[in-house]
Every structure is written in C-alpha cells, then in structure tokens.
Protein backbone atom coordinates (compact mmCIF):
# COMPACT_ATOMS: atom_id res chain seq x y z
CA VAL A 1 197.26 315.91 293.25
CA GLN A 2 195.71 313.71 295.90
CA LEU A 3 196.87 312.99 299.42
CA GLN A 4 195.59 309.91 301.22
CA ALA A 5 196.18 309.73 304.96
CA SER A 6 195.89 306.59 307.04
CA GLY A 7 197.05 305.02 310.27
CA GLY A 8 194.82 306.66 312.84
CA GLY A 9 193.04 304.74 315.55
CA LEU A 10 192.39 304.33 319.25
CA VAL A 11 195.42 304.01 321.49
CA GLN A 12 196.02 304.14 325.22
CA PRO A 13 198.04 306.96 326.77
CA GLY A 14 201.73 306.22 326.39
CA GLY A 15 201.14 304.20 323.25
CA SER A 16 202.33 304.72 319.69
CA LEU A 17 200.85 305.14 316.24
CA ARG A 18 202.35 305.70 312.83
CA LEU A 19 200.48 307.86 310.34
CA SER A 20 201.13 307.67 306.62
CA CYS A 21 200.18 309.92 303.74
CA VAL A 22 200.56 308.75 300.15
CA ALA A 23 200.64 311.34 297.40
CA SER A 24 199.57 310.81 293.82
CA GLY A 25 200.16 313.27 291.01
CA GLY A 26 202.69 316.09 291.03
CA THR A 27 206.31 315.93 292.08
CA PHE A 28 206.31 314.86 295.70
CA SER A 29 210.06 315.28 296.16
CA SER A 30 209.84 318.99 295.37
CA TRP A 31 207.19 319.77 297.99
CA THR A 32 207.35 320.81 301.58
CA VAL A 33 204.99 318.42 303.38
CA ALA A 34 203.45 318.63 306.81
CA TRP A 35 201.00 317.32 309.35
CA PHE A 36 198.36 319.47 310.97
CA ARG A 37 195.67 318.48 313.44
CA ARG A 38 192.32 319.69 314.67
CA ALA A 39 191.22 318.69 318.13
CA PRO A 40 187.52 318.71 319.06
CA GLY A 41 186.35 322.28 319.57
CA LYS A 42 189.73 323.75 318.65
CA GLU A 43 191.36 325.45 315.72
CA ARG A 44 193.58 323.56 313.32
CA GLU A 45 197.21 323.60 314.45
CA PHE A 46 200.56 322.80 312.95
CA VAL A 47 202.20 319.58 314.12
CA ALA A 48 205.31 318.93 312.02
CA ALA A 49 206.81 319.60 308.62
CA ILE A 50 209.70 318.47 306.48
CA LYS A 51 211.13 320.56 303.70
CA ARG A 52 211.73 319.34 300.20
CA GLY A 53 215.04 317.62 299.78
CA ASN A 54 214.90 316.65 303.47
CA PHE A 55 216.32 320.06 304.29
CA GLY A 56 215.02 320.51 307.77
CA THR A 57 212.28 319.25 310.03
CA TYR A 58 210.04 321.39 312.19
CA TYR A 59 207.81 320.53 315.13
CA THR A 60 205.37 322.28 317.37
CA ASP A 61 206.73 322.39 320.91
CA SER A 62 204.14 320.05 322.38
CA VAL A 63 205.27 317.10 320.23
CA LYS A 64 209.04 317.60 320.21
CA GLY A 65 210.83 314.49 321.39
CA ARG A 66 207.72 312.35 320.93
CA PHE A 67 206.83 312.67 317.23
CA THR A 68 209.09 312.12 314.24
CA ILE A 69 208.24 313.23 310.72
CA SER A 70 209.87 311.56 307.74
CA ARG A 71 209.43 311.20 304.01
CA ASP A 72 210.21 308.59 301.38
CA ASN A 73 210.39 310.35 298.05
CA ALA A 74 210.73 307.08 296.15
CA LYS A 75 207.34 306.00 297.51
CA ASN A 76 205.71 309.45 297.55
CA THR A 77 205.01 308.89 301.22
CA LEU A 78 205.00 311.13 304.27
CA SER A 79 205.00 309.55 307.73
CA LEU A 80 204.50 310.65 311.31
CA GLN A 81 205.73 308.34 314.05
CA MET A 82 203.93 309.27 317.25
CA ASN A 83 205.23 307.90 320.55
CA SER A 84 204.29 308.55 324.18
CA LEU A 85 200.86 309.66 323.09
CA LYS A 86 198.80 311.78 325.43
CA PRO A 87 195.04 312.39 325.60
CA GLU A 88 195.67 315.94 324.36
CA ASP A 89 197.02 314.47 321.10
CA THR A 90 193.48 313.35 320.26
CA ALA A 91 192.57 315.02 316.98
CA LEU A 92 191.89 314.62 313.31
CA TYR A 93 195.29 314.61 311.64
CA TYR A 94 195.73 316.03 308.16
CA CYS A 95 198.66 315.77 305.82
CA ALA A 96 199.37 318.76 303.60
CA ALA A 97 201.69 319.67 300.77
CA SER A 98 203.06 322.96 299.57
CA THR A 99 204.45 323.46 296.09
CA LEU A 100 205.89 326.81 297.15
CA GLY A 101 209.46 327.30 298.29
CA LEU A 102 208.53 327.98 301.88
CA ILE A 103 210.85 329.82 304.20
CA THR A 104 211.00 328.96 307.87
CA SER A 105 208.51 331.62 308.93
CA GLN A 106 205.91 330.16 306.55
CA ILE A 107 206.27 326.48 307.42
CA ARG A 108 203.71 326.52 310.24
CA ARG A 109 201.02 328.41 308.34
CA GLY A 110 198.21 326.32 306.93
CA ASP A 111 197.41 328.90 304.27
CA GLN A 112 200.78 328.19 302.65
CA TYR A 113 199.78 324.63 301.74
CA ASP A 114 198.10 323.87 298.42
CA TYR A 115 196.91 320.33 298.93
CA TRP A 116 195.32 318.53 301.86
CA GLY A 117 194.46 314.97 302.69
CA GLN A 118 191.12 313.91 304.10
CA GLY A 119 192.29 313.42 307.68
CA THR A 120 192.76 310.41 309.89
CA LEU A 121 191.41 310.28 313.44
CA VAL A 122 193.70 309.67 316.38
CA THR A 123 192.06 309.00 319.75
CA VAL A 124 194.20 308.65 322.86
CA SER A 125 192.14 307.30 325.72
CA SER A 126 192.19 304.63 328.37
C-alpha cells in the first residue's frame, strides 16, 4: 500500500487549499482514512478522518467549519478542502489509512493507522 499526498503550498491567511491523497494497493473503500499534521516544533496532531463507507466524519475542534474531508472510493482518493486558513494551520500534512475497524475513540490516535503518506507542506503566511 502506498499513499501519495499532494496539494500543499504557500497561501495567504484567509485563503484556501485542497489536499489530495491517492492510494495504491489494498482496498481503499474498506479503510478509515485521515489527515494528521505536524507543525514546526510541535507533536503530530489529528486533523480529520472519514470512516469506511462514508460512515461519519471527524474533525479536531480548531478546524471545524473551515476544513472538509471527503473521499472518492472509485478513484482511491482522499481530499481535504481547507478554507479560511490561518497561520497556525502551517504544518506538514500527512494522510493516513487504517485497515482496522476503528471505533470513535480510536479515530484520533495516530498509532491506529497502518499506512502513511510522505506529507505535503502547507504554509500560511502573508
């Protein structure tokens, strides 16, 4: 299984970016998939996740109402639409996939994800 993330870049505060993650190998539709990020000097944190079968989306509080996670199982693609970006959103963003049947309490834990993409850098700055 390989995950290839793309879409990062430099954007001004208030701007938008759309991240994509294409999966190859495995059965994408059966996975819970997520985005995590690591800001400079900080620990990795959960951003958003979407369960297999589109049964539920989950967000960290700081991005609710601004970010939207979605998946296209036909294209083996995970997306993250990021609007109203803030400087504190600056980070390396990683997509991740879990082949486990995660319950809600596990969704935000990075150690529950089997596969990780290489990361795409998002910089929000004027």
